[in-house]
Amino acid sequence: MTYASPALRRNPQEVSEHFIKLVHARIAEVSGWKYIFERIPAFKDACAKAPSQVPCPFTGAGKSKFRFRQKDLYTGCAIHNDFPVNEFCDGIDVLAKYYELSKTQTCKKILSDFFGMDLHAPLTDADIENERRYKSAVRATETLDREEVAKRMRKLDVMYHYTGEIKPNTPVALYLRNR
């Protein structure tokens, strides 16, 4: 899949940034990544059941491998038990893995397949404003308010005080080995 854009006679980094900004602008227009993920069968279940875990959308394996937190349906951030914590910071990262494309090619696919966009079009003022709104909304989800921090601290405290070491031949150890 090749998309040539004569308007983009720039270095590869600038081309990637251009398409990422276009995707973020379109995502802001449709109120988040949920719009995209609900249209892809592999992610429908994860959207519907967020924040619960579902089988891996990439392979279909496991019962509790992948999830979106409810607030992450806007940003596209996801958690997958088999990947590093920050592997899927954005919907572009998730779909790049799903489609097995580079981030630039994934952006082009998103723009053409989901928005029917002409890839030769430059950024408009509305695109720039939408991209700014998107980044602002993403920044807002990156910080936790005091109540959320306190709630998480209470949960960690409970976990620390009421859990014990798992012995090798217990049912719990067997269960965890087979996940």
Protein backbone atom coordinates (compact mmCIF):
# COMPACT_ATOMS: atom_id res chain seq x y z
CA MET A 1 0.00 0.00 0.00
CA THR A 2 1.71 3.19 -1.14
CA TYR A 3 0.44 6.70 -0.84
CA ALA A 4 2.43 9.38 -2.60
CA SER A 5 1.80 12.91 -1.53
CA PRO A 6 3.43 15.61 -3.65
CA ALA A 7 2.55 18.15 -0.94
CA LEU A 8 4.86 16.27 1.41
CA ARG A 9 8.32 16.62 -0.07
CA ARG A 10 9.91 16.48 3.36
CA ASN A 11 12.10 14.17 5.35
CA PRO A 12 10.50 10.96 6.69
CA GLN A 13 10.20 12.34 10.23
CA GLU A 14 8.18 15.35 9.01
CA VAL A 15 5.97 13.11 6.86
CA SER A 16 5.21 10.88 9.86
CA GLU A 17 4.45 13.88 12.07
CA HIS A 18 2.13 15.29 9.40
CA PHE A 19 0.06 12.10 9.17
CA ILE A 20 0.00 11.61 12.95
CA LYS A 21 -1.34 15.17 13.34
CA LEU A 22 -4.00 14.49 10.71
CA VAL A 23 -5.09 11.30 12.50
CA HIS A 24 -5.22 13.08 15.86
CA ALA A 25 -7.28 15.89 14.32
CA ARG A 26 -9.78 13.40 12.86
CA ILE A 27 -9.95 11.45 16.13
CA ALA A 28 -10.75 14.68 18.01
CA GLU A 29 -13.57 15.36 15.52
CA VAL A 30 -15.21 11.99 16.24
CA SER A 31 -14.68 12.19 20.03
CA GLY A 32 -12.00 9.57 20.39
CA TRP A 33 -10.59 6.26 19.25
CA LYS A 34 -13.73 4.35 20.19
CA TYR A 35 -15.11 5.43 16.79
CA ILE A 36 -12.33 3.47 15.05
CA PHE A 37 -12.06 0.48 17.38
CA GLU A 38 -15.80 -0.26 17.28
CA ARG A 39 -15.54 -0.65 13.50
CA ILE A 40 -12.82 -3.32 13.72
CA PRO A 41 -14.27 -6.72 14.72
CA ALA A 42 -11.18 -7.73 16.72
CA PHE A 43 -11.58 -4.70 19.03
CA LYS A 44 -15.39 -4.58 19.32
CA ASP A 45 -15.42 -6.79 22.40
CA ALA A 46 -12.68 -4.76 24.12
CA CYS A 47 -14.65 -1.54 23.55
CA ALA A 48 -17.90 -3.03 24.82
CA LYS A 49 -16.34 -4.59 27.91
CA ALA A 50 -13.89 -1.81 28.87
CA PRO A 51 -12.26 -1.83 31.41
CA SER A 52 -12.55 -5.64 31.62
CA GLN A 53 -9.95 -7.83 29.97
CA VAL A 54 -10.68 -9.76 26.77
CA PRO A 55 -8.77 -12.25 24.58
CA CYS A 56 -5.86 -10.88 22.57
CA PRO A 57 -7.21 -9.01 19.51
CA PHE A 58 -4.00 -9.75 17.60
CA THR A 59 -4.02 -13.55 17.99
CA GLY A 60 -7.31 -14.41 19.71
CA ALA A 61 -5.32 -16.22 22.42
CA GLY A 62 -6.00 -16.19 26.16
CA LYS A 63 -9.03 -15.10 28.10
CA SER A 64 -7.67 -12.03 29.85
CA LYS A 65 -4.88 -10.52 27.77
CA PHE A 66 -6.01 -7.11 26.50
CA ARG A 67 -8.06 -4.17 27.74
CA PHE A 68 -8.90 -0.52 27.36
CA ARG A 69 -9.61 1.52 30.45
CA GLN A 70 -12.85 3.45 30.01
CA LYS A 71 -11.06 6.80 29.76
CA ASP A 72 -8.57 5.32 27.28
CA LEU A 73 -11.24 4.83 24.65
CA TYR A 74 -10.60 8.49 23.81
CA THR A 75 -6.81 8.27 23.66
CA GLY A 76 -6.58 4.73 22.29
CA CYS A 77 -4.14 3.69 25.02
CA ALA A 78 -4.36 -0.04 25.76
CA ILE A 79 -2.89 -2.61 28.11
CA HIS A 80 -1.77 -6.04 26.88
CA ASN A 81 -0.37 -8.56 29.35
CA ASP A 82 2.20 -9.91 26.86
CA PHE A 83 3.73 -6.54 25.92
CA PRO A 84 5.69 -3.89 27.86
CA VAL A 85 3.58 -1.39 29.80
CA ASN A 86 4.07 1.56 27.41
CA GLU A 87 3.80 -0.42 24.18
CA PHE A 88 0.34 0.92 23.30
CA CYS A 89 0.29 4.59 24.33
CA ASP A 90 -1.97 5.67 21.48
CA GLY A 91 -4.51 4.15 19.09
CA ILE A 92 -1.90 4.43 16.33
CA ASP A 93 0.40 2.08 18.28
CA VAL A 94 -2.41 -0.45 18.77
CA LEU A 95 -3.44 -0.42 15.11
CA ALA A 96 0.17 -0.49 13.86
CA LYS A 97 0.59 -3.79 15.73
CA TYR A 98 -2.80 -5.07 14.53
CA TYR A 99 -2.20 -4.24 10.85
CA GLU A 100 1.54 -5.01 11.10
CA LEU A 101 2.42 -1.70 9.43
CA SER A 102 4.67 1.21 10.31
CA LYS A 103 3.05 4.08 12.19
CA THR A 104 3.07 6.25 9.06
CA GLN A 105 1.43 3.55 6.94
CA THR A 106 -1.07 2.90 9.74
CA CYS A 107 -1.98 6.61 9.83
CA LYS A 108 -2.52 6.60 6.08
CA LYS A 109 -4.71 3.50 6.35
CA ILE A 110 -6.79 5.07 9.14
CA LEU A 111 -7.27 8.30 7.19
CA SER A 112 -8.27 6.58 3.97
CA ASP A 113 -10.27 3.60 5.33
CA PHE A 114 -12.15 5.25 8.20
CA PHE A 115 -12.38 8.87 7.10
CA GLY A 116 -12.18 8.59 3.30
CA MET A 117 -9.63 11.37 3.38
CA ASP A 118 -7.53 12.61 0.48
CA LEU A 119 -3.96 11.97 1.61
CA HIS A 120 -2.65 14.82 -0.53
CA ALA A 121 -4.56 17.41 1.50
CA PRO A 122 -2.50 19.68 3.77
CA LEU A 123 -3.43 20.46 7.38
CA THR A 124 -6.17 23.07 7.65
CA ASP A 125 -6.68 25.52 10.51
CA ALA A 126 -9.51 23.29 11.76
CA ASP A 127 -7.14 20.29 11.71
CA ILE A 128 -4.58 22.20 13.75
CA GLU A 129 -7.24 23.23 16.29
CA ASN A 130 -8.62 19.66 16.50
CA GLU A 131 -5.13 18.26 17.00
CA ARG A 132 -4.53 20.79 19.79
CA ARG A 133 -7.81 19.71 21.44
CA TYR A 134 -6.81 16.06 21.11
CA LYS A 135 -3.43 16.65 22.76
CA SER A 136 -5.08 18.65 25.53
CA ALA A 137 -7.55 15.83 26.22
CA VAL A 138 -4.72 13.29 26.22
CA ARG A 139 -2.73 15.39 28.71
CA ALA A 140 -5.78 15.53 30.97
CA THR A 141 -5.94 11.72 31.10
CA GLU A 142 -2.25 11.43 31.94
CA THR A 143 -2.58 12.99 35.38
CA LEU A 144 -4.52 11.53 38.28
CA ASP A 145 -6.56 13.64 40.65
CA ARG A 146 -6.02 13.35 44.41
CA GLU A 147 -9.05 11.09 44.90
CA GLU A 148 -7.77 8.60 42.32
CA VAL A 149 -4.30 8.57 43.89
CA ALA A 150 -5.78 7.99 47.36
CA LYS A 151 -8.03 5.22 46.03
CA ARG A 152 -5.09 3.46 44.38
CA MET A 153 -2.97 3.82 47.52
CA ARG A 154 -5.73 2.19 49.60
CA LYS A 155 -5.91 -0.70 47.13
CA LEU A 156 -2.14 -1.19 47.24
CA ASP A 157 -2.18 -1.07 51.03
CA VAL A 158 -4.86 -3.77 51.16
CA MET A 159 -2.95 -5.90 48.65
CA TYR A 160 0.27 -5.53 50.64
CA HIS A 161 -1.24 -6.40 54.02
CA TYR A 162 -3.59 -9.21 53.01
CA THR A 163 -1.66 -11.20 50.45
CA GLY A 164 0.84 -13.93 51.01
CA GLU A 165 3.51 -15.72 49.06
CA ILE A 166 2.29 -18.23 46.46
CA LYS A 167 3.72 -21.68 47.07
CA PRO A 168 4.85 -23.64 43.96
CA ASN A 169 2.39 -26.57 44.15
CA THR A 170 -0.79 -24.74 45.12
CA PRO A 171 -3.90 -24.33 42.94
CA VAL A 172 -3.12 -20.61 42.64
CA ALA A 173 0.36 -21.31 41.27
CA LEU A 174 -1.07 -23.84 38.80
CA TYR A 175 -3.70 -21.34 37.64
CA LEU A 176 -1.13 -18.58 37.12
CA ARG A 177 1.21 -20.89 35.21
CA ASN A 178 -1.58 -21.77 32.75
CA ARG A 179 -2.66 -18.20 31.97
